[in-house]
Amino acid sequence: MNLTYLLEMDIKHYFSQYMKGVDRRIRDRRDLEKMVAPDVLALTEALVVYAEKKLGRRLAEKVMYALAMHIQTAINRLRAGTIVSHPKLNEVRAAYKQEFAVALDCLQLMEEKMHIDFPIDEAGFLTMFFALHDDRTEEREERVAVVVVMHGNGVASAMADVVNQLLAAASVYAVDMPLDADPKRIYEQVKAVLQSIASEKGALV
């Protein structure tokens, strides 16, 4: 098996997990607007238009939703001082030269619009969104969901974001628990999350 084929399998796995997580949380644009800031959504739409023009093909609407979620997560992560590197950046750059070139242009636009310095690794993630563009993104696979509940402002969210990025998955969810939070309110939050992500394989808290 050649490098391109192996990377395509990695990307297929990434999308099958990431897209499933997106589908659970986002059914339509209204759901997306509740989770992604207006400026991030506008930026994502601009990136999609640019990528489609440069690559000469359309990106699925659900890919745009997932890309918006990814960019919002990346921005939150960087603002929190957390950087996640792409484990196969050089391989992705070599196998998908056209998509990577487009991703670099998009990265520059992201920096200009958001006034944030993104690591070049982010171009590797963008390339993965641009490289897989057919109905393979619709693949579904049940996974055991994980809900992280931690004391501290944003601690659980940061942990979940990092794990989802490192494992190329979207099955880790977070409930932040400030030290002064009402235990009953936290219980209701956790219960609501579990109900929204319930699957036949269950969930781990």
C-alpha atoms as a PDB file:
ATOM      1  CA  MET A   1       0.000   0.000   0.000  1.00  0.00           C
ATOM      2  CA  ASN A   2       1.340   3.431  -0.909  1.00  0.00           C
ATOM      3  CA  LEU A   3       1.537   6.485   1.310  1.00  0.00           C
ATOM      4  CA  THR A   4      -1.441   8.221  -0.301  1.00  0.00           C
ATOM      5  CA  TYR A   5      -3.683   5.210   0.298  1.00  0.00           C
ATOM      6  CA  LEU A   6      -2.662   4.930   3.956  1.00  0.00           C
ATOM      7  CA  LEU A   7      -3.228   8.637   4.516  1.00  0.00           C
ATOM      8  CA  GLU A   8      -6.613   8.380   2.817  1.00  0.00           C
ATOM      9  CA  MET A   9      -7.552   5.633   5.273  1.00  0.00           C
ATOM     10  CA  ASP A  10      -6.459   7.874   8.163  1.00  0.00           C
ATOM     11  CA  ILE A  11      -8.507  10.740   6.791  1.00  0.00           C
ATOM     12  CA  LYS A  12     -11.502   8.478   6.258  1.00  0.00           C
ATOM     13  CA  HIS A  13     -11.277   7.353   9.889  1.00  0.00           C
ATOM     14  CA  TYR A  14     -10.852  10.951  11.076  1.00  0.00           C
ATOM     15  CA  PHE A  15     -13.962  12.062   9.241  1.00  0.00           C
ATOM     16  CA  SER A  16     -16.081   9.060  10.208  1.00  0.00           C
ATOM     17  CA  GLN A  17     -15.506   9.956  13.855  1.00  0.00           C
ATOM     18  CA  TYR A  18     -15.432  13.726  13.600  1.00  0.00           C
ATOM     19  CA  MET A  19     -18.496  13.923  11.367  1.00  0.00           C
ATOM     20  CA  LYS A  20     -20.444  11.644  13.669  1.00  0.00           C
ATOM     21  CA  GLY A  21     -19.750  13.964  16.581  1.00  0.00           C
ATOM     22  CA  VAL A  22     -20.809  16.939  14.475  1.00  0.00           C
ATOM     23  CA  ASP A  23     -24.006  15.186  13.414  1.00  0.00           C
ATOM     24  CA  ARG A  24     -24.945  14.561  17.018  1.00  0.00           C
ATOM     25  CA  ARG A  25     -24.673  18.213  17.901  1.00  0.00           C
ATOM     26  CA  ILE A  26     -25.531  19.967  14.637  1.00  0.00           C
ATOM     27  CA  ARG A  27     -28.626  19.121  12.606  1.00  0.00           C
ATOM     28  CA  ASP A  28     -28.898  22.367  10.682  1.00  0.00           C
ATOM     29  CA  ARG A  29     -27.423  25.837  10.419  1.00  0.00           C
ATOM     30  CA  ARG A  30     -29.362  27.060  13.462  1.00  0.00           C
ATOM     31  CA  ASP A  31     -27.584  24.493  15.633  1.00  0.00           C
ATOM     32  CA  LEU A  32     -24.248  25.535  14.148  1.00  0.00           C
ATOM     33  CA  GLU A  33     -24.902  29.186  14.942  1.00  0.00           C
ATOM     34  CA  LYS A  34     -25.419  28.278  18.601  1.00  0.00           C
ATOM     35  CA  MET A  35     -21.963  26.709  18.828  1.00  0.00           C
ATOM     36  CA  VAL A  36     -19.818  28.826  16.510  1.00  0.00           C
ATOM     37  CA  ALA A  37     -19.235  32.573  16.833  1.00  0.00           C
ATOM     38  CA  PRO A  38     -20.638  34.684  13.959  1.00  0.00           C
ATOM     39  CA  ASP A  39     -17.188  35.883  12.874  1.00  0.00           C
ATOM     40  CA  VAL A  40     -15.863  32.305  12.851  1.00  0.00           C
ATOM     41  CA  LEU A  41     -18.840  31.136  10.796  1.00  0.00           C
ATOM     42  CA  ALA A  42     -18.354  33.957   8.293  1.00  0.00           C
ATOM     43  CA  LEU A  43     -14.654  33.139   8.090  1.00  0.00           C
ATOM     44  CA  THR A  44     -15.374  29.447   7.498  1.00  0.00           C
ATOM     45  CA  GLU A  45     -17.791  30.244   4.679  1.00  0.00           C
ATOM     46  CA  ALA A  46     -15.146  32.442   3.059  1.00  0.00           C
ATOM     47  CA  LEU A  47     -12.571  29.657   3.351  1.00  0.00           C
ATOM     48  CA  VAL A  48     -14.951  27.136   1.788  1.00  0.00           C
ATOM     49  CA  VAL A  49     -15.682  29.458  -1.158  1.00  0.00           C
ATOM     50  CA  TYR A  50     -11.942  30.019  -1.677  1.00  0.00           C
ATOM     51  CA  ALA A  51     -11.091  26.313  -1.398  1.00  0.00           C
ATOM     52  CA  GLU A  52     -13.862  25.293  -3.798  1.00  0.00           C
ATOM     53  CA  LYS A  53     -12.647  27.809  -6.374  1.00  0.00           C
ATOM     54  CA  LYS A  54      -8.996  26.757  -6.083  1.00  0.00           C
ATOM     55  CA  LEU A  55      -9.690  23.016  -5.996  1.00  0.00           C
ATOM     56  CA  GLY A  56     -12.403  23.089  -8.629  1.00  0.00           C
ATOM     57  CA  ARG A  57     -14.920  21.058  -6.625  1.00  0.00           C
ATOM     58  CA  ARG A  58     -17.706  21.491  -4.117  1.00  0.00           C
ATOM     59  CA  LEU A  59     -17.316  20.645  -0.453  1.00  0.00           C
ATOM     60  CA  ALA A  60     -20.244  18.937   1.257  1.00  0.00           C
ATOM     61  CA  GLU A  61     -22.315  21.144   3.550  1.00  0.00           C
ATOM     62  CA  LYS A  62     -21.549  18.874   6.498  1.00  0.00           C
ATOM     63  CA  VAL A  63     -17.850  19.343   5.829  1.00  0.00           C
ATOM     64  CA  MET A  64     -18.396  23.084   6.185  1.00  0.00           C
ATOM     65  CA  TYR A  65     -20.186  22.503   9.500  1.00  0.00           C
ATOM     66  CA  ALA A  66     -17.346  20.319  10.752  1.00  0.00           C
ATOM     67  CA  LEU A  67     -14.733  22.804   9.544  1.00  0.00           C
ATOM     68  CA  ALA A  68     -16.478  25.631  11.406  1.00  0.00           C
ATOM     69  CA  MET A  69     -16.504  23.562  14.588  1.00  0.00           C
ATOM     70  CA  HIS A  70     -12.842  22.692  14.115  1.00  0.00           C
ATOM     71  CA  ILE A  71     -11.805  26.318  13.589  1.00  0.00           C
ATOM     72  CA  GLN A  72     -13.782  27.457  16.624  1.00  0.00           C
ATOM     73  CA  THR A  73     -12.111  24.745  18.711  1.00  0.00           C
ATOM     74  CA  ALA A  74      -8.666  25.683  17.367  1.00  0.00           C
ATOM     75  CA  ILE A  75      -9.210  29.336  18.245  1.00  0.00           C
ATOM     76  CA  ASN A  76     -10.418  28.471  21.749  1.00  0.00           C
ATOM     77  CA  ARG A  77      -7.421  26.203  22.224  1.00  0.00           C
ATOM     78  CA  LEU A  78      -4.895  28.813  21.108  1.00  0.00           C
ATOM     79  CA  ARG A  79      -6.461  31.517  23.241  1.00  0.00           C
ATOM     80  CA  ALA A  80      -6.159  29.156  26.201  1.00  0.00           C
ATOM     81  CA  GLY A  81      -2.468  28.672  25.432  1.00  0.00           C
ATOM     82  CA  THR A  82      -2.801  25.070  24.234  1.00  0.00           C
ATOM     83  CA  ILE A  83      -1.200  24.009  20.964  1.00  0.00           C
ATOM     84  CA  VAL A  84      -1.844  20.654  19.300  1.00  0.00           C
ATOM     85  CA  SER A  85       0.564  19.509  16.609  1.00  0.00           C
ATOM     86  CA  HIS A  86      -0.478  17.472  13.579  1.00  0.00           C
ATOM     87  CA  PRO A  87       1.087  13.985  13.948  1.00  0.00           C
ATOM     88  CA  LYS A  88       1.508  13.502  10.177  1.00  0.00           C
ATOM     89  CA  LEU A  89       2.051  17.023   8.915  1.00  0.00           C
ATOM     90  CA  ASN A  90       4.933  16.210   6.555  1.00  0.00           C
ATOM     91  CA  GLU A  91       3.158  13.167   5.117  1.00  0.00           C
ATOM     92  CA  VAL A  92      -0.025  15.143   4.506  1.00  0.00           C
ATOM     93  CA  ARG A  93       1.949  17.979   2.901  1.00  0.00           C
ATOM     94  CA  ALA A  94       3.688  15.531   0.541  1.00  0.00           C
ATOM     95  CA  ALA A  95       0.597  13.501  -0.377  1.00  0.00           C
ATOM     96  CA  TYR A  96      -1.844  16.385  -0.885  1.00  0.00           C
ATOM     97  CA  LYS A  97       0.239  19.201  -2.309  1.00  0.00           C
ATOM     98  CA  GLN A  98      -2.633  21.100  -3.934  1.00  0.00           C
ATOM     99  CA  GLU A  99      -4.872  20.908  -0.882  1.00  0.00           C
ATOM    100  CA  PHE A 100      -1.992  21.859   1.403  1.00  0.00           C
ATOM    101  CA  ALA A 101      -1.194  24.919  -0.714  1.00  0.00           C
ATOM    102  CA  VAL A 102      -4.832  25.995  -0.434  1.00  0.00           C
ATOM    103  CA  ALA A 103      -4.730  25.312   3.312  1.00  0.00           C
ATOM    104  CA  LEU A 104      -1.714  27.614   3.691  1.00  0.00           C
ATOM    105  CA  ASP A 105      -3.607  30.407   1.941  1.00  0.00           C
ATOM    106  CA  CYS A 106      -6.580  29.774   4.220  1.00  0.00           C
ATOM    107  CA  LEU A 107      -4.312  29.840   7.245  1.00  0.00           C
ATOM    108  CA  GLN A 108      -3.081  33.290   6.262  1.00  0.00           C
ATOM    109  CA  LEU A 109      -6.663  34.498   5.906  1.00  0.00           C
ATOM    110  CA  MET A 110      -7.532  33.045   9.302  1.00  0.00           C
ATOM    111  CA  GLU A 111      -4.662  34.944  10.894  1.00  0.00           C
ATOM    112  CA  GLU A 112      -5.669  38.187   9.216  1.00  0.00           C
ATOM    113  CA  LYS A 113      -9.324  37.914  10.194  1.00  0.00           C
ATOM    114  CA  MET A 114      -8.920  36.539  13.724  1.00  0.00           C
ATOM    115  CA  HIS A 115      -5.646  38.288  14.662  1.00  0.00           C
ATOM    116  CA  ILE A 116      -4.214  35.020  15.948  1.00  0.00           C
ATOM    117  CA  ASP A 117      -0.975  33.285  15.015  1.00  0.00           C
ATOM    118  CA  PHE A 118      -1.836  29.740  13.970  1.00  0.00           C
ATOM    119  CA  PRO A 119       0.888  27.060  13.908  1.00  0.00           C
ATOM    120  CA  ILE A 120       1.599  25.545  10.497  1.00  0.00           C
ATOM    121  CA  ASP A 121       0.231  22.276  11.906  1.00  0.00           C
ATOM    122  CA  GLU A 122      -3.215  23.795  11.503  1.00  0.00           C
ATOM    123  CA  ALA A 123      -2.685  23.719   7.737  1.00  0.00           C
ATOM    124  CA  GLY A 124      -2.364  19.957   8.068  1.00  0.00           C
ATOM    125  CA  PHE A 125      -5.793  19.738   9.680  1.00  0.00           C
ATOM    126  CA  LEU A 126      -7.339  22.033   7.058  1.00  0.00           C
ATOM    127  CA  THR A 127      -5.802  19.873   4.329  1.00  0.00           C
ATOM    128  CA  MET A 128      -7.621  16.852   5.745  1.00  0.00           C
ATOM    129  CA  PHE A 129     -10.948  18.665   5.401  1.00  0.00           C
ATOM    130  CA  PHE A 130     -10.148  19.631   1.814  1.00  0.00           C
ATOM    131  CA  ALA A 131      -8.687  16.261   0.774  1.00  0.00           C
ATOM    132  CA  LEU A 132     -11.734  14.110   1.441  1.00  0.00           C
ATOM    133  CA  HIS A 133     -14.698  15.487  -0.437  1.00  0.00           C
ATOM    134  CA  ASP A 134     -17.026  12.670  -1.437  1.00  0.00           C
ATOM    135  CA  ASP A 135     -19.732  10.588   0.231  1.00  0.00           C
ATOM    136  CA  ARG A 136     -17.199   8.761   2.383  1.00  0.00           C
ATOM    137  CA  THR A 137     -17.693  11.560   4.882  1.00  0.00           C
ATOM    138  CA  GLU A 138     -21.174  10.131   5.523  1.00  0.00           C
ATOM    139  CA  GLU A 139     -19.843   6.925   7.055  1.00  0.00           C
ATOM    140  CA  ARG A 140     -21.311   6.159  10.470  1.00  0.00           C
ATOM    141  CA  GLU A 141     -19.741   4.142  13.261  1.00  0.00           C
ATOM    142  CA  GLU A 142     -20.942   3.871  16.835  1.00  0.00           C
ATOM    143  CA  ARG A 143     -18.377   4.637  19.539  1.00  0.00           C
ATOM    144  CA  VAL A 144     -18.416   4.752  23.308  1.00  0.00           C
ATOM    145  CA  ALA A 145     -18.749   8.425  24.203  1.00  0.00           C
ATOM    146  CA  VAL A 146     -16.611   9.894  26.989  1.00  0.00           C
ATOM    147  CA  VAL A 147     -17.767  12.746  29.223  1.00  0.00           C
ATOM    148  CA  VAL A 148     -15.037  14.580  31.136  1.00  0.00           C
ATOM    149  CA  VAL A 149     -16.168  16.368  34.316  1.00  0.00           C
ATOM    150  CA  MET A 150     -13.457  18.397  36.040  1.00  0.00           C
ATOM    151  CA  HIS A 151     -13.145  21.112  38.655  1.00  0.00           C
ATOM    152  CA  GLY A 152     -11.877  24.457  37.370  1.00  0.00           C
ATOM    153  CA  ASN A 153     -13.000  26.947  34.750  1.00  0.00           C
ATOM    154  CA  GLY A 154     -12.507  25.475  31.282  1.00  0.00           C
ATOM    155  CA  VAL A 155     -10.361  22.549  32.465  1.00  0.00           C
ATOM    156  CA  ALA A 156     -12.694  19.815  31.208  1.00  0.00           C
ATOM    157  CA  SER A 157     -13.272  21.626  27.898  1.00  0.00           C
ATOM    158  CA  ALA A 158      -9.525  21.995  27.300  1.00  0.00           C
ATOM    159  CA  MET A 159      -8.896  18.325  28.041  1.00  0.00           C
ATOM    160  CA  ALA A 160     -11.727  17.190  25.751  1.00  0.00           C
ATOM    161  CA  ASP A 161     -10.552  19.446  22.918  1.00  0.00           C
ATOM    162  CA  VAL A 162      -6.993  18.150  23.102  1.00  0.00           C
ATOM    163  CA  VAL A 163      -8.047  14.484  23.215  1.00  0.00           C
ATOM    164  CA  ASN A 164     -10.430  14.905  20.281  1.00  0.00           C
ATOM    165  CA  GLN A 165      -7.670  16.519  18.236  1.00  0.00           C
ATOM    166  CA  LEU A 166      -4.964  14.023  19.158  1.00  0.00           C
ATOM    167  CA  LEU A 167      -7.174  10.990  18.556  1.00  0.00           C
ATOM    168  CA  ALA A 168      -8.823  12.478  15.467  1.00  0.00           C
ATOM    169  CA  ALA A 169     -12.196  11.843  17.076  1.00  0.00           C
ATOM    170  CA  ALA A 170     -15.190  13.782  18.297  1.00  0.00           C
ATOM    171  CA  SER A 171     -16.513  11.479  20.988  1.00  0.00           C
ATOM    172  CA  VAL A 172     -15.132  13.214  24.079  1.00  0.00           C
ATOM    173  CA  TYR A 173     -17.460  15.757  25.680  1.00  0.00           C
ATOM    174  CA  ALA A 174     -16.883  18.151  28.561  1.00  0.00           C
ATOM    175  CA  VAL A 175     -18.712  19.551  31.544  1.00  0.00           C
ATOM    176  CA  ASP A 176     -16.767  22.257  33.350  1.00  0.00           C
ATOM    177  CA  MET A 177     -17.299  22.354  37.104  1.00  0.00           C
ATOM    178  CA  PRO A 178     -16.296  25.625  38.815  1.00  0.00           C
ATOM    179  CA  LEU A 179     -15.356  25.193  42.461  1.00  0.00           C
ATOM    180  CA  ASP A 180     -18.388  27.162  43.576  1.00  0.00           C
ATOM    181  CA  ALA A 181     -20.833  25.344  41.292  1.00  0.00           C
ATOM    182  CA  ASP A 182     -24.025  23.843  42.693  1.00  0.00           C
ATOM    183  CA  PRO A 183     -23.647  20.012  42.595  1.00  0.00           C
ATOM    184  CA  LYS A 184     -27.296  19.636  41.587  1.00  0.00           C
ATOM    185  CA  ARG A 185     -26.792  21.946  38.616  1.00  0.00           C
ATOM    186  CA  ILE A 186     -23.699  20.012  37.542  1.00  0.00           C
ATOM    187  CA  TYR A 187     -25.636  16.767  37.855  1.00  0.00           C
ATOM    188  CA  GLU A 188     -28.348  18.132  35.565  1.00  0.00           C
ATOM    189  CA  GLN A 189     -25.721  19.281  33.056  1.00  0.00           C
ATOM    190  CA  VAL A 190     -24.052  15.883  32.984  1.00  0.00           C
ATOM    191  CA  LYS A 191     -27.398  14.146  32.632  1.00  0.00           C
ATOM    192  CA  ALA A 192     -28.370  16.414  29.731  1.00  0.00           C
ATOM    193  CA  VAL A 193     -25.086  15.709  27.945  1.00  0.00           C
ATOM    194  CA  LEU A 194     -25.473  11.959  28.427  1.00  0.00           C
ATOM    195  CA  GLN A 195     -28.999  12.037  27.079  1.00  0.00           C
ATOM    196  CA  SER A 196     -27.891  13.942  23.978  1.00  0.00           C
ATOM    197  CA  ILE A 197     -25.022  11.574  23.125  1.00  0.00           C
ATOM    198  CA  ALA A 198     -26.611   8.285  24.127  1.00  0.00           C
ATOM    199  CA  SER A 199     -25.830   5.359  21.826  1.00  0.00           C
ATOM    200  CA  GLU A 200     -26.077   1.605  21.922  1.00  0.00           C
ATOM    201  CA  LYS A 201     -22.465   1.404  23.078  1.00  0.00           C
ATOM    202  CA  GLY A 202     -23.079   3.669  26.051  1.00  0.00           C
ATOM    203  CA  ALA A 203     -20.894   6.359  27.583  1.00  0.00           C
ATOM    204  CA  LEU A 204     -18.043   6.643  30.077  1.00  0.00           C
ATOM    205  CA  VAL A 205     -17.998   9.462  32.646  1.00  0.00           C
END
